[in-house]
Every structure is written in structure tokens, then in C-alpha cells.
Amino acid sequence: MPSDIDESWRRVVSWLREYAPVSHRALGGAASEEEIAAVEKKIGVRVPKDLRAYLKLNNGTLTRLDGSNGLTGSYPEGEFLVGGWALLPLSSIERLHHQMMPGPRDEAYWRREWIPFAAESYACGEMYGFFIDAETGSVGQWSDGDVETMDLFPDLPEFFASVLDDLERILGPKETSQRIQDGCVILR
């Protein structure tokens, strides 16, 4: 397994470039240190080093504004994670973090140090996704307004190694939930 974020993420990018060039083109550009610092200030949490390093390579996937609901969401070609989920750019990380934080009278299931970085398409309401714990660096998963799994992956490099495994299955002999069509990773 890759030992650092640079190696694990670059392997995913290389796979997309070779086998799904349309999905590859949906990757966002690099985030600057200033952009990351601005989001940290707004959410009140320091972005962990692995997430920071990844964002400096690719700031999620490209987004579009949905005129019907005013939400910014991913383009379908950027939804290459299993289940059709997309990696979030900083603007969506900030918005979703704020959205997940409980109000003063709400039951608290979401902790401030959990930073969402991948979610299902906004068309489904972003009720499912992955977060990184800023204190431990581990990756967890939430679903339908509750934390489903803590410590699903020990760190972001392991998460991206899993993404690569899922993508490589598309090329294998076994049936998967995804396929490549016209250079894009899509759900079957």
C-alpha cells in the first residue's frame, strides 16, 4: 500500500488519465495555501496534512451551479468513486461542514474536527459521504445524517489506495457497479 498521499493520489490520477480521460479532466486544479487557510478559518479546524497535500494537487472535482436549487454540485464525469460519489472542492467542503454542524438545540452527532471531503451527488442531498478526522487523520463515513463508520481507513493514503482498487476492478473480469463509457467512469 502507498505510504504517502502524493503516491496514492497520483496512482489514482494516472489510472484516470489512461482509462477514463473524461473523468480525469473533471479533476479540479490545485488549491493554494491561502485558499486552504481561508476555509480553515471559516470552519474553525486545521486541515490535516494528508488532506492539505491532496488539495494542493487537486481541489476536488469540477463543480456546477444547479439553477433549480442553488446548490453547487459535481459534474457526472467527476463522480468516479464507487457509488457515483465525487471528491469535494474546498467550497463544497466548507459548505457541507457548516451544514453538518449541529445547531444549538440539535443532537450533536457531527464533530467540528470531522472534515467532509467526498460525497454523493448533490442531487441526492449529500446524505452520504466520507470525512477525515482532523485529530486522528482517520477516514470515516456518514450516511443519512448519522455517522455510519468511524476509522474506516487509517488515513487518506489508504482511502485513495482503496479508490484505485475499486477503479481497477472495472477492468477486471468480475462485474462491478461501475464501468467506463466514452472515457468516463459511470454507474451501471
Protein backbone atom coordinates (compact mmCIF):
# COMPACT_ATOMS: atom_id res chain seq x y z
CA MET A 1 0.00 0.00 0.00
CA PRO A 2 1.21 3.54 -0.70
CA SER A 3 2.79 5.24 2.27
CA ASP A 4 2.04 8.83 1.43
CA ILE A 5 -0.73 10.90 -0.08
CA ASP A 6 1.29 12.04 -3.07
CA GLU A 7 1.97 8.48 -4.20
CA SER A 8 -1.54 7.12 -3.52
CA TRP A 9 -3.34 10.03 -5.18
CA ARG A 10 -1.01 10.15 -8.21
CA ARG A 11 -1.75 6.47 -8.85
CA VAL A 12 -5.50 7.28 -9.00
CA VAL A 13 -4.82 10.23 -11.32
CA SER A 14 -2.65 8.07 -13.60
CA TRP A 15 -5.36 5.42 -13.81
CA LEU A 16 -7.99 8.00 -14.69
CA ARG A 17 -5.71 9.60 -17.30
CA GLU A 18 -5.14 6.25 -19.00
CA TYR A 19 -8.55 4.56 -18.76
CA ALA A 20 -11.09 7.34 -18.16
CA PRO A 21 -9.74 10.58 -19.67
CA VAL A 22 -13.09 12.39 -19.41
CA SER A 23 -13.23 11.67 -15.68
CA HIS A 24 -9.58 12.74 -15.45
CA ARG A 25 -10.44 16.12 -16.99
CA ALA A 26 -13.07 16.65 -14.27
CA LEU A 27 -10.36 16.89 -11.61
CA GLY A 28 -10.03 20.39 -10.19
CA GLY A 29 -6.84 22.38 -10.24
CA ALA A 30 -4.57 22.74 -7.24
CA ALA A 31 -5.75 24.70 -4.20
CA SER A 32 -3.43 27.35 -2.85
CA GLU A 33 -2.24 27.54 0.74
CA GLU A 34 -4.22 30.80 1.05
CA GLU A 35 -7.45 29.12 -0.11
CA ILE A 36 -6.96 26.28 2.36
CA ALA A 37 -6.20 28.73 5.20
CA ALA A 38 -9.36 30.71 4.41
CA VAL A 39 -11.50 27.56 4.72
CA GLU A 40 -9.72 26.60 7.95
CA LYS A 41 -10.59 29.97 9.41
CA LYS A 42 -14.25 29.62 8.39
CA ILE A 43 -14.72 26.08 9.74
CA GLY A 44 -12.51 26.59 12.80
CA VAL A 45 -10.40 23.48 12.19
CA ARG A 46 -6.89 22.97 10.84
CA VAL A 47 -6.96 20.80 7.72
CA PRO A 48 -4.85 17.67 8.38
CA LYS A 49 -1.60 17.30 6.43
CA ASP A 50 -2.83 14.47 4.15
CA LEU A 51 -5.96 16.35 3.10
CA ARG A 52 -3.92 19.56 2.69
CA ALA A 53 -1.38 17.73 0.49
CA TYR A 54 -4.15 16.20 -1.65
CA LEU A 55 -5.94 19.57 -2.08
CA LYS A 56 -2.67 21.14 -3.22
CA LEU A 57 -2.62 18.54 -6.01
CA ASN A 58 -6.33 18.56 -6.93
CA ASN A 59 -9.02 20.66 -5.34
CA GLY A 60 -11.75 18.02 -5.68
CA THR A 61 -13.64 17.71 -8.93
CA LEU A 62 -15.13 20.47 -11.05
CA THR A 63 -18.50 21.80 -9.93
CA ARG A 64 -21.52 23.49 -11.44
CA LEU A 65 -24.35 25.57 -10.04
CA ASP A 66 -27.78 23.97 -10.20
CA GLY A 67 -30.19 26.80 -11.02
CA SER A 68 -33.18 24.86 -9.66
CA ASN A 69 -31.90 24.60 -6.08
CA GLY A 70 -28.93 26.98 -5.89
CA LEU A 71 -26.55 24.22 -4.79
CA THR A 72 -23.13 23.70 -6.25
CA GLY A 73 -22.57 20.08 -7.19
CA SER A 74 -20.28 17.83 -9.14
CA TYR A 75 -20.40 17.10 -12.83
CA PRO A 76 -21.27 13.44 -13.54
CA GLU A 77 -17.83 12.82 -15.06
CA GLY A 78 -16.26 13.73 -11.70
CA GLU A 79 -18.33 11.14 -9.82
CA PHE A 80 -15.85 8.28 -10.19
CA LEU A 81 -15.81 6.98 -6.61
CA VAL A 82 -17.83 3.80 -6.02
CA GLY A 83 -21.50 4.69 -5.79
CA GLY A 84 -21.07 7.68 -8.08
CA TRP A 85 -19.62 9.90 -5.37
CA ALA A 86 -17.30 12.83 -6.05
CA LEU A 87 -14.33 14.40 -4.29
CA LEU A 88 -15.31 17.79 -2.91
CA PRO A 89 -13.57 21.06 -3.72
CA LEU A 90 -12.84 23.47 -0.86
CA SER A 91 -16.03 25.46 -1.46
CA SER A 92 -18.15 22.33 -1.00
CA ILE A 93 -16.07 21.14 1.96
CA GLU A 94 -16.76 24.45 3.70
CA ARG A 95 -20.48 24.46 2.83
CA LEU A 96 -21.04 20.84 3.80
CA HIS A 97 -19.04 21.15 7.04
CA HIS A 98 -21.21 24.09 8.04
CA GLN A 99 -24.35 22.20 7.03
CA MET A 100 -23.38 19.13 9.08
CA MET A 101 -22.60 21.05 12.27
CA PRO A 102 -25.48 20.77 14.75
CA GLY A 103 -27.39 23.84 15.81
CA PRO A 104 -27.60 24.84 19.48
CA ARG A 105 -30.70 22.70 20.07
CA ASP A 106 -29.83 19.82 17.78
CA GLU A 107 -28.50 16.49 18.93
CA ALA A 108 -24.77 16.52 18.22
CA TYR A 109 -23.60 13.61 16.09
CA TRP A 110 -21.15 15.60 13.97
CA ARG A 111 -17.91 16.86 15.47
CA ARG A 112 -16.17 20.04 14.34
CA GLU A 113 -12.92 18.16 13.60
CA TRP A 114 -14.63 15.94 11.02
CA ILE A 115 -13.98 17.43 7.59
CA PRO A 116 -16.06 16.06 4.69
CA PHE A 117 -14.04 15.51 1.51
CA ALA A 118 -16.18 13.21 -0.67
CA ALA A 119 -19.93 12.86 -1.05
CA GLU A 120 -22.66 11.54 -3.26
CA SER A 121 -24.04 13.86 -5.89
CA TYR A 122 -25.81 16.92 -4.54
CA ALA A 123 -28.87 15.79 -6.50
CA CYS A 124 -29.36 13.22 -3.74
CA GLY A 125 -28.84 15.79 -0.99
CA GLU A 126 -25.28 14.78 0.00
CA MET A 127 -26.66 12.44 2.64
CA TYR A 128 -23.71 10.05 2.26
CA GLY A 129 -20.01 10.71 2.22
CA PHE A 130 -16.53 10.40 3.67
CA PHE A 131 -14.84 12.64 6.21
CA ILE A 132 -11.35 12.87 7.65
CA ASP A 133 -10.89 13.32 11.39
CA ALA A 134 -8.57 16.31 11.79
CA GLU A 135 -7.36 14.98 15.15
CA THR A 136 -6.51 11.40 14.16
CA GLY A 137 -6.20 11.53 10.36
CA SER A 138 -8.52 8.52 10.04
CA VAL A 139 -11.30 8.40 7.45
CA GLY A 140 -14.90 7.73 8.40
CA GLN A 141 -18.19 7.57 6.57
CA TRP A 142 -21.54 9.16 7.29
CA SER A 143 -24.92 8.22 5.92
CA ASP A 144 -28.37 9.72 6.09
CA GLY A 145 -27.50 12.20 8.80
CA ASP A 146 -25.59 9.85 11.10
CA VAL A 147 -22.05 8.57 11.36
CA GLU A 148 -22.05 5.09 9.91
CA THR A 149 -18.44 4.06 10.30
CA MET A 150 -15.56 5.59 12.22
CA ASP A 151 -11.99 4.71 11.29
CA LEU A 152 -13.00 3.04 8.03
CA PHE A 153 -9.47 3.76 6.76
CA PRO A 154 -6.49 4.62 8.98
CA ASP A 155 -5.58 7.58 6.75
CA LEU A 156 -6.19 9.28 3.41
CA PRO A 157 -3.44 7.36 1.54
CA GLU A 158 -5.24 4.10 2.41
CA PHE A 159 -8.54 5.60 1.27
CA PHE A 160 -7.05 6.50 -2.11
CA ALA A 161 -5.45 3.04 -2.37
CA SER A 162 -8.97 1.65 -1.94
CA VAL A 163 -10.28 4.01 -4.64
CA LEU A 164 -7.61 2.68 -7.00
CA ASP A 165 -8.56 -0.92 -6.15
CA ASP A 166 -12.21 -0.11 -6.97
CA LEU A 167 -11.23 1.53 -10.26
CA GLU A 168 -9.00 -1.40 -11.25
CA ARG A 169 -11.91 -3.81 -10.70
CA ILE A 170 -13.71 -2.07 -13.57
CA LEU A 171 -11.10 -3.52 -15.93
CA GLY A 172 -11.26 -6.99 -14.40
CA PRO A 173 -13.43 -9.97 -15.28
CA LYS A 174 -15.86 -9.61 -12.36
CA GLU A 175 -18.99 -7.48 -12.51
CA THR A 176 -18.72 -4.15 -10.66
CA SER A 177 -21.17 -1.33 -10.00
CA GLN A 178 -19.21 0.88 -12.40
CA ARG A 179 -17.98 0.81 -15.97
CA ILE A 180 -16.22 3.10 -18.41
CA GLN A 181 -18.31 4.67 -21.14
CA ASP A 182 -16.98 7.27 -23.56
CA GLY A 183 -13.92 7.85 -21.39
CA CYS A 184 -15.95 8.40 -18.23
CA VAL A 185 -16.41 6.23 -15.13
CA ILE A 186 -20.17 5.76 -14.68
CA LEU A 187 -22.55 3.62 -12.65
CA ARG A 188 -24.00 0.61 -14.42
